[in-house]
């Protein structure tokens, strides 16, 4: 029973931190474009001069 006096406040702190991190991510536009990075791997990158020099 004594352990509940320690575990409940720790759980409340963890929940508060998780909620604050979630709202920070929403406020900083972390969830704006969820599909863009997934589709960007399908397209070839434009060749630069460095890439042309390295190829035989």
PDB file of N, CA and C in Angstrom:
ATOM      1  N   UNK A   1       0.822  -1.193   0.000  1.00  0.00           N
ATOM      2  CA  UNK A   1       0.000   0.000   0.000  1.00  0.00           C
ATOM      3  C   UNK A   1       0.865   1.256   0.000  1.00  0.00           C
ATOM      4  N   UNK A   2       1.993   1.197   0.685  1.00  0.00           N
ATOM      5  CA  UNK A   2       2.865   2.369   0.718  1.00  0.00           C
ATOM      6  C   UNK A   2       3.459   2.671  -0.654  1.00  0.00           C
ATOM      7  N   UNK A   3       3.622   1.648  -1.469  1.00  0.00           N
ATOM      8  CA  UNK A   3       4.208   1.881  -2.791  1.00  0.00           C
ATOM      9  C   UNK A   3       3.270   2.681  -3.689  1.00  0.00           C
ATOM     10  N   UNK A   4       1.969   2.613  -3.433  1.00  0.00           N
ATOM     11  CA  UNK A   4       1.026   3.396  -4.228  1.00  0.00           C
ATOM     12  C   UNK A   4       1.219   4.892  -4.026  1.00  0.00           C
ATOM     13  N   UNK A   5       1.678   5.291  -2.868  1.00  0.00           N
ATOM     14  CA  UNK A   5       1.925   6.712  -2.612  1.00  0.00           C
ATOM     15  C   UNK A   5       3.082   7.236  -3.462  1.00  0.00           C
ATOM     16  N   UNK A   6       3.921   6.349  -3.937  1.00  0.00           N
ATOM     17  CA  UNK A   6       5.035   6.741  -4.800  1.00  0.00           C
ATOM     18  C   UNK A   6       4.679   6.527  -6.269  1.00  0.00           C
ATOM     19  N   UNK A   7       4.030   5.405  -6.586  1.00  0.00           N
ATOM     20  CA  UNK A   7       3.775   5.054  -7.973  1.00  0.00           C
ATOM     21  C   UNK A   7       2.713   5.917  -8.644  1.00  0.00           C
ATOM     22  N   UNK A   8       1.698   6.315  -7.911  1.00  0.00           N
ATOM     23  CA  UNK A   8       0.638   7.128  -8.517  1.00  0.00           C
ATOM     24  C   UNK A   8       1.163   8.509  -8.927  1.00  0.00           C
ATOM     25  N   UNK A   9       1.905   9.229  -8.091  1.00  0.00           N
ATOM     26  CA  UNK A   9       2.445  10.514  -8.566  1.00  0.00           C
ATOM     27  C   UNK A   9       3.434  10.350  -9.721  1.00  0.00           C
ATOM     28  N   UNK A  10       4.208   9.280  -9.719  1.00  0.00           N
ATOM     29  CA  UNK A  10       5.127   9.056 -10.833  1.00  0.00           C
ATOM     30  C   UNK A  10       4.343   8.821 -12.121  1.00  0.00           C
ATOM     31  N   UNK A  11       3.261   8.054 -12.055  1.00  0.00           N
ATOM     32  CA  UNK A  11       2.424   7.813 -13.230  1.00  0.00           C
ATOM     33  C   UNK A  11       1.787   9.109 -13.726  1.00  0.00           C
ATOM     34  N   UNK A  12       1.349   9.949 -12.808  1.00  0.00           N
ATOM     35  CA  UNK A  12       0.749  11.228 -13.193  1.00  0.00           C
ATOM     36  C   UNK A  12       1.784  12.117 -13.874  1.00  0.00           C
ATOM     37  N   UNK A  13       2.998  12.113 -13.385  1.00  0.00           N
ATOM     38  CA  UNK A  13       4.073  12.900 -14.009  1.00  0.00           C
ATOM     39  C   UNK A  13       4.367  12.376 -15.412  1.00  0.00           C
ATOM     40  N   UNK A  14       4.427  11.053 -15.580  1.00  0.00           N
ATOM     41  CA  UNK A  14       4.673  10.484 -16.906  1.00  0.00           C
ATOM     42  C   UNK A  14       3.565  10.852 -17.884  1.00  0.00           C
ATOM     43  N   UNK A  15       2.332  10.816 -17.452  1.00  0.00           N
ATOM     44  CA  UNK A  15       1.214  11.182 -18.323  1.00  0.00           C
ATOM     45  C   UNK A  15       1.291  12.659 -18.685  1.00  0.00           C
ATOM     46  N   UNK A  16       1.619  13.508 -17.726  1.00  0.00           N
ATOM     47  CA  UNK A  16       1.736  14.941 -17.999  1.00  0.00           C
ATOM     48  C   UNK A  16       2.855  15.223 -18.998  1.00  0.00           C
ATOM     49  N   UNK A  17       3.970  14.527 -18.859  1.00  0.00           N
ATOM     50  CA  UNK A  17       5.083  14.707 -19.802  1.00  0.00           C
ATOM     51  C   UNK A  17       4.671  14.234 -21.195  1.00  0.00           C
ATOM     52  N   UNK A  18       4.002  13.100 -21.283  1.00  0.00           N
ATOM     53  CA  UNK A  18       3.575  12.575 -22.583  1.00  0.00           C
ATOM     54  C   UNK A  18       2.588  13.519 -23.261  1.00  0.00           C
ATOM     55  N   UNK A  19       1.656  14.059 -22.515  1.00  0.00           N
ATOM     56  CA  UNK A  19       0.680  14.995 -23.085  1.00  0.00           C
ATOM     57  C   UNK A  19       1.374  16.281 -23.528  1.00  0.00           C
ATOM     58  N   UNK A  20       2.301  16.766 -22.735  1.00  0.00           N
ATOM     59  CA  UNK A  20       2.999  17.995 -23.119  1.00  0.00           C
ATOM     60  C   UNK A  20       3.873  17.782 -24.353  1.00  0.00           C
ATOM     61  N   UNK A  21       4.513  16.634 -24.477  1.00  0.00           N
ATOM     62  CA  UNK A  21       5.310  16.344 -25.673  1.00  0.00           C
ATOM     63  C   UNK A  21       4.402  16.235 -26.896  1.00  0.00           C
ATOM     64  N   UNK A  22       3.246  15.620 -26.753  1.00  0.00           N
ATOM     65  CA  UNK A  22       2.301  15.521 -27.865  1.00  0.00           C
ATOM     66  C   UNK A  22       1.853  16.905 -28.321  1.00  0.00           C
ATOM     67  N   UNK A  23       1.466  17.774 -27.385  1.00  0.00           N
ATOM     68  CA  UNK A  23       1.020  19.104 -27.776  1.00  0.00           C
ATOM     69  C   UNK A  23       2.160  19.937 -28.339  1.00  0.00           C
ATOM     70  N   UNK A  24       3.380  19.731 -27.865  1.00  0.00           N
ATOM     71  CA  UNK A  24       4.541  20.416 -28.443  1.00  0.00           C
ATOM     72  C   UNK A  24       4.711  19.999 -29.899  1.00  0.00           C
ATOM     73  N   UNK A  25       4.579  18.706 -30.172  1.00  0.00           N
ATOM     74  CA  UNK A  25       4.738  18.214 -31.541  1.00  0.00           C
ATOM     75  C   UNK A  25       3.643  18.767 -32.449  1.00  0.00           C
ATOM     76  N   UNK A  26       2.429  18.845 -31.952  1.00  0.00           N
ATOM     77  CA  UNK A  26       1.338  19.393 -32.760  1.00  0.00           C
ATOM     78  C   UNK A  26       1.568  20.876 -33.022  1.00  0.00           C
ATOM     79  N   UNK A  27       1.998  21.621 -32.026  1.00  0.00           N
ATOM     80  CA  UNK A  27       2.224  23.057 -32.194  1.00  0.00           C
ATOM     81  C   UNK A  27       3.384  23.358 -33.130  1.00  0.00           C
ATOM     82  N   UNK A  28       4.370  22.465 -33.199  1.00  0.00           N
ATOM     83  CA  UNK A  28       5.526  22.680 -34.065  1.00  0.00           C
ATOM     84  C   UNK A  28       5.382  22.001 -35.425  1.00  0.00           C
ATOM     85  N   UNK A  29       4.147  21.682 -35.801  1.00  0.00           N
ATOM     86  CA  UNK A  29       3.816  21.161 -37.128  1.00  0.00           C
ATOM     87  C   UNK A  29       4.546  19.868 -37.461  1.00  0.00           C
ATOM     88  N   UNK A  30       4.709  18.993 -36.509  1.00  0.00           N
ATOM     89  CA  UNK A  30       5.376  17.725 -36.753  1.00  0.00           C
ATOM     90  C   UNK A  30       4.474  16.748 -37.502  1.00  0.00           C
ATOM     91  N   UNK A  31       3.179  16.960 -37.486  1.00  0.00           N
ATOM     92  CA  UNK A  31       2.244  16.029 -38.094  1.00  0.00           C
ATOM     93  C   UNK A  31       1.601  16.595 -39.359  1.00  0.00           C
ATOM     94  N   UNK A  32       2.201  17.602 -39.975  1.00  0.00           N
ATOM     95  CA  UNK A  32       1.588  18.225 -41.147  1.00  0.00           C
ATOM     96  C   UNK A  32       1.595  17.313 -42.369  1.00  0.00           C
ATOM     97  N   UNK A  33       2.750  16.772 -42.723  1.00  0.00           N
ATOM     98  CA  UNK A  33       2.866  15.977 -43.939  1.00  0.00           C
ATOM     99  C   UNK A  33       3.377  14.596 -43.581  1.00  0.00           C
ATOM    100  N   UNK A  34       2.459  13.672 -43.382  1.00  0.00           N
ATOM    101  CA  UNK A  34       2.854  12.322 -42.995  1.00  0.00           C
ATOM    102  C   UNK A  34       3.169  11.438 -44.197  1.00  0.00           C
ATOM    103  N   UNK A  35       2.644  11.768 -45.379  1.00  0.00           N
ATOM    104  CA  UNK A  35       2.847  10.921 -46.542  1.00  0.00           C
ATOM    105  C   UNK A  35       3.990  11.396 -47.434  1.00  0.00           C
ATOM    106  N   UNK A  36       4.409  12.633 -47.309  1.00  0.00           N
ATOM    107  CA  UNK A  36       5.457  13.168 -48.175  1.00  0.00           C
ATOM    108  C   UNK A  36       6.772  12.415 -48.080  1.00  0.00           C
ATOM    109  N   UNK A  37       7.320  12.208 -46.882  1.00  0.00           N
ATOM    110  CA  UNK A  37       8.577  11.468 -46.794  1.00  0.00           C
ATOM    111  C   UNK A  37       8.457  10.021 -47.277  1.00  0.00           C
ATOM    112  N   UNK A  38       7.292   9.420 -47.128  1.00  0.00           N
ATOM    113  CA  UNK A  38       7.117   8.044 -47.581  1.00  0.00           C
ATOM    114  C   UNK A  38       7.132   7.973 -49.105  1.00  0.00           C
ATOM    115  N   UNK A  39       6.590   8.986 -49.767  1.00  0.00           N
ATOM    116  CA  UNK A  39       6.576   8.980 -51.229  1.00  0.00           C
ATOM    117  C   UNK A  39       7.893   9.474 -51.810  1.00  0.00           C
ATOM    118  N   UNK A  40       8.657  10.233 -51.060  1.00  0.00           N
ATOM    119  CA  UNK A  40       9.887  10.793 -51.606  1.00  0.00           C
ATOM    120  C   UNK A  40      10.948   9.732 -51.879  1.00  0.00           C
ATOM    121  N   UNK A  41      10.867   8.584 -51.224  1.00  0.00           N
ATOM    122  CA  UNK A  41      11.865   7.549 -51.477  1.00  0.00           C
ATOM    123  C   UNK A  41      11.630   6.863 -52.814  1.00  0.00           C
ATOM    124  N   UNK A  42      10.467   7.074 -53.426  1.00  0.00           N
ATOM    125  CA  UNK A  42      10.161   6.448 -54.702  1.00  0.00           C
ATOM    126  C   UNK A  42      10.768   7.210 -55.874  1.00  0.00           C
ATOM    127  N   UNK A  43      11.159   8.446 -55.669  1.00  0.00           N
ATOM    128  CA  UNK A  43      11.688   9.272 -56.744  1.00  0.00           C
ATOM    129  C   UNK A  43      13.203   9.302 -56.687  1.00  0.00           C
ATOM    130  N   UNK A  44      13.822   9.319 -57.865  1.00  0.00           N
ATOM    131  CA  UNK A  44      15.279   9.415 -57.933  1.00  0.00           C
ATOM    132  C   UNK A  44      15.716  10.821 -57.590  1.00  0.00           C
ATOM    133  N   UNK A  45      16.861  10.899 -56.947  1.00  0.00           N
ATOM    134  CA  UNK A  45      17.431  12.206 -56.658  1.00  0.00           C
ATOM    135  C   UNK A  45      18.112  12.719 -57.916  1.00  0.00           C
ATOM    136  N   UNK A  46      18.070  14.015 -58.134  1.00  0.00           N
ATOM    137  CA  UNK A  46      18.776  14.539 -59.313  1.00  0.00           C
ATOM    138  C   UNK A  46      20.276  14.332 -59.149  1.00  0.00           C
ATOM    139  N   UNK A  47      20.915  13.968 -60.246  1.00  0.00           N
ATOM    140  CA  UNK A  47      22.349  13.708 -60.175  1.00  0.00           C
ATOM    141  C   UNK A  47      23.108  15.018 -60.054  1.00  0.00           C
ATOM    142  N   UNK A  48      24.027  15.049 -59.128  1.00  0.00           N
ATOM    143  CA  UNK A  48      24.868  16.221 -58.957  1.00  0.00           C
ATOM    144  C   UNK A  48      26.237  15.936 -59.560  1.00  0.00           C
ATOM    145  N   UNK A  49      27.062  16.929 -59.602  1.00  0.00           N
ATOM    146  CA  UNK A  49      28.394  16.760 -60.173  1.00  0.00           C
ATOM    147  C   UNK A  49      29.214  15.760 -59.364  1.00  0.00           C
ATOM    148  N   UNK A  50      29.040  15.756 -58.045  1.00  0.00           N
ATOM    149  CA  UNK A  50      29.784  14.820 -57.207  1.00  0.00           C
ATOM    150  C   UNK A  50      29.368  13.384 -57.509  1.00  0.00           C
ATOM    151  N   UNK A  51      28.085  13.141 -57.729  1.00  0.00           N
ATOM    152  CA  UNK A  51      27.628  11.784 -58.015  1.00  0.00           C
ATOM    153  C   UNK A  51      28.155  11.299 -59.370  1.00  0.00           C
ATOM    154  N   UNK A  52      28.269  12.209 -60.354  1.00  0.00           N
ATOM    155  CA  UNK A  52      28.753  11.825 -61.669  1.00  0.00           C
ATOM    156  C   UNK A  52      30.242  11.495 -61.614  1.00  0.00           C
ATOM    157  N   UNK A  53      30.994  12.210 -60.777  1.00  0.00           N
ATOM    158  CA  UNK A  53      32.429  11.976 -60.678  1.00  0.00           C
ATOM    159  C   UNK A  53      32.739  10.633 -60.042  1.00  0.00           C
ATOM    160  N   UNK A  54      31.916  10.164 -59.131  1.00  0.00           N
ATOM    161  CA  UNK A  54      32.167   8.923 -58.415  1.00  0.00           C
ATOM    162  C   UNK A  54      31.844   7.684 -59.253  1.00  0.00           C
ATOM    163  N   UNK A  55      30.979   7.825 -60.236  1.00  0.00           N
ATOM    164  CA  UNK A  55      30.599   6.671 -61.045  1.00  0.00           C
ATOM    165  C   UNK A  55      31.690   6.370 -62.066  1.00  0.00           C
ATOM    166  N   UNK A  56      31.963   5.075 -62.335  1.00  0.00           N
ATOM    167  CA  UNK A  56      33.035   4.741 -63.300  1.00  0.00           C
ATOM    168  C   UNK A  56      32.652   5.035 -64.719  1.00  0.00           C
TER     169      UNK A  56
END
